[in-house]
Amino acid sequence: MTDYIYNSRGAAVGFIRGKYIHDMHGHAVGQLNGTHVHKLSGSYVGELHKDMVVNKHLGNYGNIGNPGNPGNPGSPGNPGNRGSVNYGYPDVFDELLK
């Protein structure tokens, strides 16, 4: 089963495969360290909260380094829009794409 990541508008923007976050085309864009989300380059972005990457204003968990490229697992398909959700934290998934 694929664990999708959604933006605040409810659109699927990525998915989790192992400890990596991929965009919907399968390109690796981030990595997980527990619930901490880091860019593939290693810099901290935010937290995985339910099914979103959000800024909980917890501070900066630093740079965990670049693990190398985990490859492209391909597109898992689009689950469709799950509806808009607001968990009370800003959506920061787009930070992974910069």
C-alpha atoms as a PDB file:
ATOM      1  CA  MET A   1       0.000   0.000   0.000  1.00  0.00           C
ATOM      2  CA  THR A   2       1.282   3.461  -0.894  1.00  0.00           C
ATOM      3  CA  ASP A   3       1.403   6.187   1.751  1.00  0.00           C
ATOM      4  CA  TYR A   4       0.505   9.395  -0.070  1.00  0.00           C
ATOM      5  CA  ILE A   5       1.362  12.924   1.022  1.00  0.00           C
ATOM      6  CA  TYR A   6      -1.204  15.630   0.381  1.00  0.00           C
ATOM      7  CA  ASN A   7      -1.140  19.414   0.299  1.00  0.00           C
ATOM      8  CA  SER A   8      -3.591  21.570   2.252  1.00  0.00           C
ATOM      9  CA  ARG A   9      -5.971  21.686  -0.729  1.00  0.00           C
ATOM     10  CA  GLY A  10      -6.238  17.892  -0.685  1.00  0.00           C
ATOM     11  CA  ALA A  11      -4.240  17.088  -3.816  1.00  0.00           C
ATOM     12  CA  ALA A  12      -1.746  14.213  -3.678  1.00  0.00           C
ATOM     13  CA  VAL A  13       1.709  15.763  -4.084  1.00  0.00           C
ATOM     14  CA  GLY A  14       3.992  12.877  -3.157  1.00  0.00           C
ATOM     15  CA  PHE A  15       4.366   9.473  -1.561  1.00  0.00           C
ATOM     16  CA  ILE A  16       6.611   7.667   0.896  1.00  0.00           C
ATOM     17  CA  ARG A  17       8.723   4.680  -0.092  1.00  0.00           C
ATOM     18  CA  GLY A  18      10.933   3.418   2.739  1.00  0.00           C
ATOM     19  CA  LYS A  19      12.616   6.425   4.335  1.00  0.00           C
ATOM     20  CA  TYR A  20      12.305   8.581   1.211  1.00  0.00           C
ATOM     21  CA  ILE A  21       9.674  11.028  -0.010  1.00  0.00           C
ATOM     22  CA  HIS A  22       9.046  11.098  -3.749  1.00  0.00           C
ATOM     23  CA  ASP A  23       7.033  13.482  -5.911  1.00  0.00           C
ATOM     24  CA  MET A  24       4.143  12.028  -7.895  1.00  0.00           C
ATOM     25  CA  HIS A  25       6.500  11.242 -10.806  1.00  0.00           C
ATOM     26  CA  GLY A  26       8.718   9.089  -8.590  1.00  0.00           C
ATOM     27  CA  HIS A  27      11.624  11.527  -8.209  1.00  0.00           C
ATOM     28  CA  ALA A  28      13.145  11.468  -4.729  1.00  0.00           C
ATOM     29  CA  VAL A  29      12.716  14.909  -3.110  1.00  0.00           C
ATOM     30  CA  GLY A  30      13.145  14.251   0.598  1.00  0.00           C
ATOM     31  CA  GLN A  31      14.059  11.878   3.374  1.00  0.00           C
ATOM     32  CA  LEU A  32      12.521  10.968   6.701  1.00  0.00           C
ATOM     33  CA  ASN A  33      14.271  10.792  10.049  1.00  0.00           C
ATOM     34  CA  GLY A  34      11.433   9.669  12.302  1.00  0.00           C
ATOM     35  CA  THR A  35       8.796  12.357  11.737  1.00  0.00           C
ATOM     36  CA  HIS A  36      11.403  14.950  10.726  1.00  0.00           C
ATOM     37  CA  VAL A  37      11.361  15.719   7.003  1.00  0.00           C
ATOM     38  CA  HIS A  38      14.582  16.772   5.289  1.00  0.00           C
ATOM     39  CA  LYS A  39      15.370  17.663   1.687  1.00  0.00           C
ATOM     40  CA  LEU A  40      17.310  15.017  -0.186  1.00  0.00           C
ATOM     41  CA  SER A  41      20.339  17.298   0.307  1.00  0.00           C
ATOM     42  CA  GLY A  42      19.853  16.878   4.083  1.00  0.00           C
ATOM     43  CA  SER A  43      18.475  20.253   5.256  1.00  0.00           C
ATOM     44  CA  TYR A  44      15.473  20.241   7.598  1.00  0.00           C
ATOM     45  CA  VAL A  45      12.096  21.289   6.155  1.00  0.00           C
ATOM     46  CA  GLY A  46       9.357  20.312   8.609  1.00  0.00           C
ATOM     47  CA  GLU A  47       7.426  17.464  10.166  1.00  0.00           C
ATOM     48  CA  LEU A  48       5.371  14.616   8.762  1.00  0.00           C
ATOM     49  CA  HIS A  49       1.990  15.147  10.446  1.00  0.00           C
ATOM     50  CA  LYS A  50      -0.661  12.607   9.507  1.00  0.00           C
ATOM     51  CA  ASP A  51      -0.443  12.773   5.695  1.00  0.00           C
ATOM     52  CA  MET A  52       1.133  16.216   5.211  1.00  0.00           C
ATOM     53  CA  VAL A  53       4.541  17.881   5.530  1.00  0.00           C
ATOM     54  CA  VAL A  54       3.981  20.843   7.843  1.00  0.00           C
ATOM     55  CA  ASN A  55       5.913  23.459   9.805  1.00  0.00           C
ATOM     56  CA  LYS A  56       5.196  22.923  13.498  1.00  0.00           C
ATOM     57  CA  HIS A  57       7.657  25.668  14.496  1.00  0.00           C
ATOM     58  CA  LEU A  58       9.789  23.199  16.457  1.00  0.00           C
ATOM     59  CA  GLY A  59      13.092  24.777  15.484  1.00  0.00           C
ATOM     60  CA  ASN A  60      15.708  23.500  13.081  1.00  0.00           C
ATOM     61  CA  TYR A  61      16.800  19.876  13.297  1.00  0.00           C
ATOM     62  CA  GLY A  62      19.885  20.584  11.205  1.00  0.00           C
ATOM     63  CA  ASN A  63      21.322  18.823   8.213  1.00  0.00           C
ATOM     64  CA  ILE A  64      21.430  15.033   8.167  1.00  0.00           C
ATOM     65  CA  GLY A  65      23.458  14.848   4.963  1.00  0.00           C
ATOM     66  CA  ASN A  66      22.718  13.517   1.503  1.00  0.00           C
ATOM     67  CA  PRO A  67      22.123   9.748   1.486  1.00  0.00           C
ATOM     68  CA  GLY A  68      22.622   9.456  -2.256  1.00  0.00           C
ATOM     69  CA  ASN A  69      19.865   8.911  -4.774  1.00  0.00           C
ATOM     70  CA  PRO A  70      17.480   6.070  -3.885  1.00  0.00           C
ATOM     71  CA  GLY A  71      16.321   5.774  -7.490  1.00  0.00           C
ATOM     72  CA  ASN A  72      12.920   6.262  -9.062  1.00  0.00           C
ATOM     73  CA  PRO A  73      10.245   3.730  -8.075  1.00  0.00           C
ATOM     74  CA  GLY A  74       7.900   5.100 -10.748  1.00  0.00           C
ATOM     75  CA  SER A  75       4.536   6.733 -10.367  1.00  0.00           C
ATOM     76  CA  PRO A  76       2.163   4.977  -7.953  1.00  0.00           C
ATOM     77  CA  GLY A  77      -0.896   6.457  -9.657  1.00  0.00           C
ATOM     78  CA  ASN A  78      -3.006   9.308  -8.365  1.00  0.00           C
ATOM     79  CA  PRO A  79      -5.476   8.574  -5.558  1.00  0.00           C
ATOM     80  CA  GLY A  80      -7.460  11.708  -6.365  1.00  0.00           C
ATOM     81  CA  ASN A  81      -8.313  14.646  -4.158  1.00  0.00           C
ATOM     82  CA  ARG A  82      -9.102  13.767  -0.542  1.00  0.00           C
ATOM     83  CA  GLY A  83     -10.597  17.174   0.234  1.00  0.00           C
ATOM     84  CA  SER A  84      -9.125  20.235   1.898  1.00  0.00           C
ATOM     85  CA  VAL A  85      -7.734  19.709   5.414  1.00  0.00           C
ATOM     86  CA  ASN A  86      -6.254  22.199   7.852  1.00  0.00           C
ATOM     87  CA  TYR A  87      -4.268  20.707  10.741  1.00  0.00           C
ATOM     88  CA  GLY A  88      -3.413  24.172  12.078  1.00  0.00           C
ATOM     89  CA  TYR A  89       0.118  24.185  10.649  1.00  0.00           C
ATOM     90  CA  PRO A  90       1.431  25.651   7.367  1.00  0.00           C
ATOM     91  CA  ASP A  91       1.887  23.173   4.499  1.00  0.00           C
ATOM     92  CA  VAL A  92       5.590  23.125   3.486  1.00  0.00           C
ATOM     93  CA  PHE A  93       5.786  20.253   0.974  1.00  0.00           C
ATOM     94  CA  ASP A  94       6.798  22.741  -1.753  1.00  0.00           C
ATOM     95  CA  GLU A  95      10.016  23.446   0.207  1.00  0.00           C
ATOM     96  CA  LEU A  96      11.170  19.956  -0.805  1.00  0.00           C
ATOM     97  CA  LEU A  97      10.929  20.927  -4.476  1.00  0.00           C
ATOM     98  CA  LYS A  98      13.243  23.972  -4.223  1.00  0.00           C
END
